[in-house]
């Protein structure tokens, strides 16, 4: 495995720790839940915006593109995910639950379907695993919120 793959795995797993810690915190420290849920969605927005930023430089590769999406669509996708991340922070928690869950699923679908030829196989496997954990955390945080707030 190349060094960049190992680094991506380590950084990807490290990036899951705040998601996992927040979900555990919601269930173990309910008195701090308002702060924890706020940080959970702030972190969700940050990671979503970071991942959206990956598409920006891809859109600028006009020669020898190896993926089927046009540069304009790639740039628009980047902006849709980025703006969703930011706007989501302004919305009430029940809407954030849906928005971030759908956005993370959408981000993976774009990579696995439309950009599949661009990414190496190890990256798509890593993204599937990381996205799966993030989606479980989104669902767990949403479940906690609805259990706590009826």
C-alpha atoms as a PDB file:
ATOM      1  CA  UNK A   1       0.000   0.000   0.000  1.00  0.00           C
ATOM      2  CA  UNK A   2       1.365   3.405  -0.901  1.00  0.00           C
ATOM      3  CA  UNK A   3       2.213   5.903   1.818  1.00  0.00           C
ATOM      4  CA  UNK A   4      -0.598   8.272   0.866  1.00  0.00           C
ATOM      5  CA  UNK A   5      -3.130   5.466   1.282  1.00  0.00           C
ATOM      6  CA  UNK A   6      -1.848   4.684   4.778  1.00  0.00           C
ATOM      7  CA  UNK A   7      -1.944   8.369   5.680  1.00  0.00           C
ATOM      8  CA  UNK A   8      -5.489   8.712   4.307  1.00  0.00           C
ATOM      9  CA  UNK A   9      -6.599   5.727   6.394  1.00  0.00           C
ATOM     10  CA  UNK A  10      -5.065   7.141   9.573  1.00  0.00           C
ATOM     11  CA  UNK A  11      -6.464  10.637   8.968  1.00  0.00           C
ATOM     12  CA  UNK A  12      -9.861   9.198   7.988  1.00  0.00           C
ATOM     13  CA  UNK A  13     -10.096   7.109  11.145  1.00  0.00           C
ATOM     14  CA  UNK A  14      -8.927  10.050  13.261  1.00  0.00           C
ATOM     15  CA  UNK A  15     -11.656  12.115  11.622  1.00  0.00           C
ATOM     16  CA  UNK A  16     -14.256   9.676  12.931  1.00  0.00           C
ATOM     17  CA  UNK A  17     -13.257  10.181  16.562  1.00  0.00           C
ATOM     18  CA  UNK A  18     -15.187  13.459  17.082  1.00  0.00           C
ATOM     19  CA  UNK A  19     -18.316  11.895  15.543  1.00  0.00           C
ATOM     20  CA  UNK A  20     -18.048   8.856  17.802  1.00  0.00           C
ATOM     21  CA  UNK A  21     -17.166  10.889  20.899  1.00  0.00           C
ATOM     22  CA  UNK A  22     -20.144  13.185  20.385  1.00  0.00           C
ATOM     23  CA  UNK A  23     -22.577  10.301  20.018  1.00  0.00           C
ATOM     24  CA  UNK A  24     -21.195   8.631  23.137  1.00  0.00           C
ATOM     25  CA  UNK A  25     -21.381  11.963  24.948  1.00  0.00           C
ATOM     26  CA  UNK A  26     -25.040  12.401  24.052  1.00  0.00           C
ATOM     27  CA  UNK A  27     -25.941   9.099  25.654  1.00  0.00           C
ATOM     28  CA  UNK A  28     -23.520   9.281  28.600  1.00  0.00           C
ATOM     29  CA  UNK A  29     -23.768  12.977  29.516  1.00  0.00           C
ATOM     30  CA  UNK A  30     -27.322  14.092  28.798  1.00  0.00           C
ATOM     31  CA  UNK A  31     -26.863  17.227  30.918  1.00  0.00           C
ATOM     32  CA  UNK A  32     -24.342  18.486  28.327  1.00  0.00           C
ATOM     33  CA  UNK A  33     -26.458  17.459  25.347  1.00  0.00           C
ATOM     34  CA  UNK A  34     -27.186  20.977  24.053  1.00  0.00           C
ATOM     35  CA  UNK A  35     -23.476  21.714  23.730  1.00  0.00           C
ATOM     36  CA  UNK A  36     -22.634  18.252  22.394  1.00  0.00           C
ATOM     37  CA  UNK A  37     -25.314  18.273  19.690  1.00  0.00           C
ATOM     38  CA  UNK A  38     -24.196  21.759  18.621  1.00  0.00           C
ATOM     39  CA  UNK A  39     -20.583  20.622  18.286  1.00  0.00           C
ATOM     40  CA  UNK A  40     -21.662  17.427  16.547  1.00  0.00           C
ATOM     41  CA  UNK A  41     -23.398  19.365  13.781  1.00  0.00           C
ATOM     42  CA  UNK A  42     -20.646  21.982  13.628  1.00  0.00           C
ATOM     43  CA  UNK A  43     -18.144  19.176  13.048  1.00  0.00           C
ATOM     44  CA  UNK A  44     -20.525  17.512  10.570  1.00  0.00           C
ATOM     45  CA  UNK A  45     -20.686  20.762   8.611  1.00  0.00           C
ATOM     46  CA  UNK A  46     -16.914  21.186   8.659  1.00  0.00           C
ATOM     47  CA  UNK A  47     -16.201  17.719   7.349  1.00  0.00           C
ATOM     48  CA  UNK A  48     -18.935  18.004   4.715  1.00  0.00           C
ATOM     49  CA  UNK A  49     -17.479  21.326   3.524  1.00  0.00           C
ATOM     50  CA  UNK A  50     -13.982  19.808   3.472  1.00  0.00           C
ATOM     51  CA  UNK A  51     -15.152  16.852   1.404  1.00  0.00           C
ATOM     52  CA  UNK A  52     -17.040  19.184  -0.958  1.00  0.00           C
ATOM     53  CA  UNK A  53     -13.805  21.057  -1.525  1.00  0.00           C
ATOM     54  CA  UNK A  54     -12.286  17.975  -3.132  1.00  0.00           C
ATOM     55  CA  UNK A  55     -14.452  18.498  -6.218  1.00  0.00           C
ATOM     56  CA  UNK A  56     -13.257  22.048  -6.830  1.00  0.00           C
ATOM     57  CA  UNK A  57      -9.751  21.152  -8.136  1.00  0.00           C
ATOM     58  CA  UNK A  58     -11.170  18.182 -10.033  1.00  0.00           C
ATOM     59  CA  UNK A  59     -13.443  20.523 -11.947  1.00  0.00           C
ATOM     60  CA  UNK A  60     -10.430  22.470 -13.159  1.00  0.00           C
ATOM     61  CA  UNK A  61      -8.809  19.450 -14.810  1.00  0.00           C
ATOM     62  CA  UNK A  62     -10.065  20.133 -18.305  1.00  0.00           C
ATOM     63  CA  UNK A  63      -7.518  18.047 -20.208  1.00  0.00           C
ATOM     64  CA  UNK A  64      -7.317  14.276 -19.861  1.00  0.00           C
ATOM     65  CA  UNK A  65     -10.280  14.003 -17.529  1.00  0.00           C
ATOM     66  CA  UNK A  66     -10.956  10.414 -16.509  1.00  0.00           C
ATOM     67  CA  UNK A  67     -14.384  10.891 -14.975  1.00  0.00           C
ATOM     68  CA  UNK A  68     -17.716  11.307 -16.750  1.00  0.00           C
ATOM     69  CA  UNK A  69     -19.017  14.493 -15.121  1.00  0.00           C
ATOM     70  CA  UNK A  70     -18.473  17.806 -16.830  1.00  0.00           C
ATOM     71  CA  UNK A  71     -16.328  20.414 -15.053  1.00  0.00           C
ATOM     72  CA  UNK A  72     -19.409  22.613 -14.596  1.00  0.00           C
ATOM     73  CA  UNK A  73     -21.391  19.830 -12.882  1.00  0.00           C
ATOM     74  CA  UNK A  74     -18.395  18.960 -10.709  1.00  0.00           C
ATOM     75  CA  UNK A  75     -18.049  22.602  -9.648  1.00  0.00           C
ATOM     76  CA  UNK A  76     -21.789  22.856  -8.959  1.00  0.00           C
ATOM     77  CA  UNK A  77     -21.730  19.680  -6.870  1.00  0.00           C
ATOM     78  CA  UNK A  78     -18.896  21.140  -4.835  1.00  0.00           C
ATOM     79  CA  UNK A  79     -20.930  24.246  -4.172  1.00  0.00           C
ATOM     80  CA  UNK A  80     -24.152  22.380  -3.379  1.00  0.00           C
ATOM     81  CA  UNK A  81     -22.444  20.311  -0.692  1.00  0.00           C
ATOM     82  CA  UNK A  82     -20.478  23.295   0.640  1.00  0.00           C
ATOM     83  CA  UNK A  83     -23.509  25.576   0.860  1.00  0.00           C
ATOM     84  CA  UNK A  84     -25.586  22.776   2.399  1.00  0.00           C
ATOM     85  CA  UNK A  85     -22.960  22.399   5.111  1.00  0.00           C
ATOM     86  CA  UNK A  86     -23.090  26.090   5.953  1.00  0.00           C
ATOM     87  CA  UNK A  87     -26.830  26.605   5.702  1.00  0.00           C
ATOM     88  CA  UNK A  88     -27.400  23.490   7.784  1.00  0.00           C
ATOM     89  CA  UNK A  89     -25.814  25.220  10.758  1.00  0.00           C
ATOM     90  CA  UNK A  90     -28.556  27.845  10.664  1.00  0.00           C
ATOM     91  CA  UNK A  91     -31.385  25.324  10.723  1.00  0.00           C
ATOM     92  CA  UNK A  92     -33.098  23.667  13.701  1.00  0.00           C
ATOM     93  CA  UNK A  93     -31.688  20.330  14.857  1.00  0.00           C
ATOM     94  CA  UNK A  94     -34.472  18.155  13.345  1.00  0.00           C
ATOM     95  CA  UNK A  95     -33.685  19.611   9.917  1.00  0.00           C
ATOM     96  CA  UNK A  96     -29.933  19.241  10.505  1.00  0.00           C
ATOM     97  CA  UNK A  97     -30.457  15.555  11.219  1.00  0.00           C
ATOM     98  CA  UNK A  98     -32.043  15.027   7.817  1.00  0.00           C
ATOM     99  CA  UNK A  99     -29.812  17.443   5.896  1.00  0.00           C
ATOM    100  CA  UNK A 100     -26.472  16.066   7.057  1.00  0.00           C
ATOM    101  CA  UNK A 101     -27.567  12.443   6.737  1.00  0.00           C
ATOM    102  CA  UNK A 102     -28.760  12.989   3.158  1.00  0.00           C
ATOM    103  CA  UNK A 103     -25.729  15.121   2.279  1.00  0.00           C
ATOM    104  CA  UNK A 104     -23.237  12.499   3.458  1.00  0.00           C
ATOM    105  CA  UNK A 105     -25.101   9.823   1.531  1.00  0.00           C
ATOM    106  CA  UNK A 106     -25.157  12.062  -1.538  1.00  0.00           C
ATOM    107  CA  UNK A 107     -21.448  12.773  -1.267  1.00  0.00           C
ATOM    108  CA  UNK A 108     -20.666   9.079  -1.258  1.00  0.00           C
ATOM    109  CA  UNK A 109     -23.016   8.391  -4.173  1.00  0.00           C
ATOM    110  CA  UNK A 110     -21.266  11.062  -6.250  1.00  0.00           C
ATOM    111  CA  UNK A 111     -17.890   9.481  -5.527  1.00  0.00           C
ATOM    112  CA  UNK A 112     -18.978   5.873  -5.998  1.00  0.00           C
ATOM    113  CA  UNK A 113     -21.173   6.406  -9.073  1.00  0.00           C
ATOM    114  CA  UNK A 114     -20.118   9.453 -11.011  1.00  0.00           C
ATOM    115  CA  UNK A 115     -16.463   9.750  -9.991  1.00  0.00           C
ATOM    116  CA  UNK A 116     -15.713   6.035  -9.660  1.00  0.00           C
ATOM    117  CA  UNK A 117     -13.193   6.029 -12.510  1.00  0.00           C
ATOM    118  CA  UNK A 118     -11.241   8.852 -10.932  1.00  0.00           C
ATOM    119  CA  UNK A 119     -10.639   7.405  -7.474  1.00  0.00           C
ATOM    120  CA  UNK A 120      -8.393   4.420  -6.730  1.00  0.00           C
ATOM    121  CA  UNK A 121     -10.207   1.338  -5.424  1.00  0.00           C
ATOM    122  CA  UNK A 122      -8.655   1.616  -1.952  1.00  0.00           C
ATOM    123  CA  UNK A 123     -10.056   5.142  -1.616  1.00  0.00           C
ATOM    124  CA  UNK A 124     -13.609   4.100  -2.461  1.00  0.00           C
ATOM    125  CA  UNK A 125     -13.400   1.254   0.052  1.00  0.00           C
ATOM    126  CA  UNK A 126     -12.115   3.668   2.671  1.00  0.00           C
ATOM    127  CA  UNK A 127     -14.846   6.190   1.825  1.00  0.00           C
ATOM    128  CA  UNK A 128     -17.510   3.501   2.116  1.00  0.00           C
ATOM    129  CA  UNK A 129     -16.288   2.494   5.569  1.00  0.00           C
ATOM    130  CA  UNK A 130     -15.866   6.072   6.810  1.00  0.00           C
ATOM    131  CA  UNK A 131     -19.194   7.202   5.355  1.00  0.00           C
ATOM    132  CA  UNK A 132     -20.911   4.183   6.906  1.00  0.00           C
ATOM    133  CA  UNK A 133     -19.653   5.130  10.363  1.00  0.00           C
ATOM    134  CA  UNK A 134     -20.571   8.795   9.841  1.00  0.00           C
ATOM    135  CA  UNK A 135     -24.078   7.813   8.742  1.00  0.00           C
ATOM    136  CA  UNK A 136     -24.469   5.568  11.790  1.00  0.00           C
ATOM    137  CA  UNK A 137     -23.410   8.502  13.973  1.00  0.00           C
ATOM    138  CA  UNK A 138     -25.885  10.807  12.201  1.00  0.00           C
ATOM    139  CA  UNK A 139     -28.684   8.298  12.769  1.00  0.00           C
ATOM    140  CA  UNK A 140     -27.630   7.744  16.393  1.00  0.00           C
ATOM    141  CA  UNK A 141     -27.541  11.492  17.102  1.00  0.00           C
ATOM    142  CA  UNK A 142     -30.918  11.896  15.429  1.00  0.00           C
ATOM    143  CA  UNK A 143     -32.361   8.995  17.379  1.00  0.00           C
ATOM    144  CA  UNK A 144     -31.035  10.447  20.623  1.00  0.00           C
ATOM    145  CA  UNK A 145     -32.505  13.859  19.794  1.00  0.00           C
ATOM    146  CA  UNK A 146     -35.973  12.494  19.051  1.00  0.00           C
ATOM    147  CA  UNK A 147     -35.916  10.259  22.141  1.00  0.00           C
ATOM    148  CA  UNK A 148     -34.892  13.203  24.326  1.00  0.00           C
ATOM    149  CA  UNK A 149     -37.287  15.727  22.774  1.00  0.00           C
ATOM    150  CA  UNK A 150     -40.236  13.570  21.867  1.00  0.00           C
END
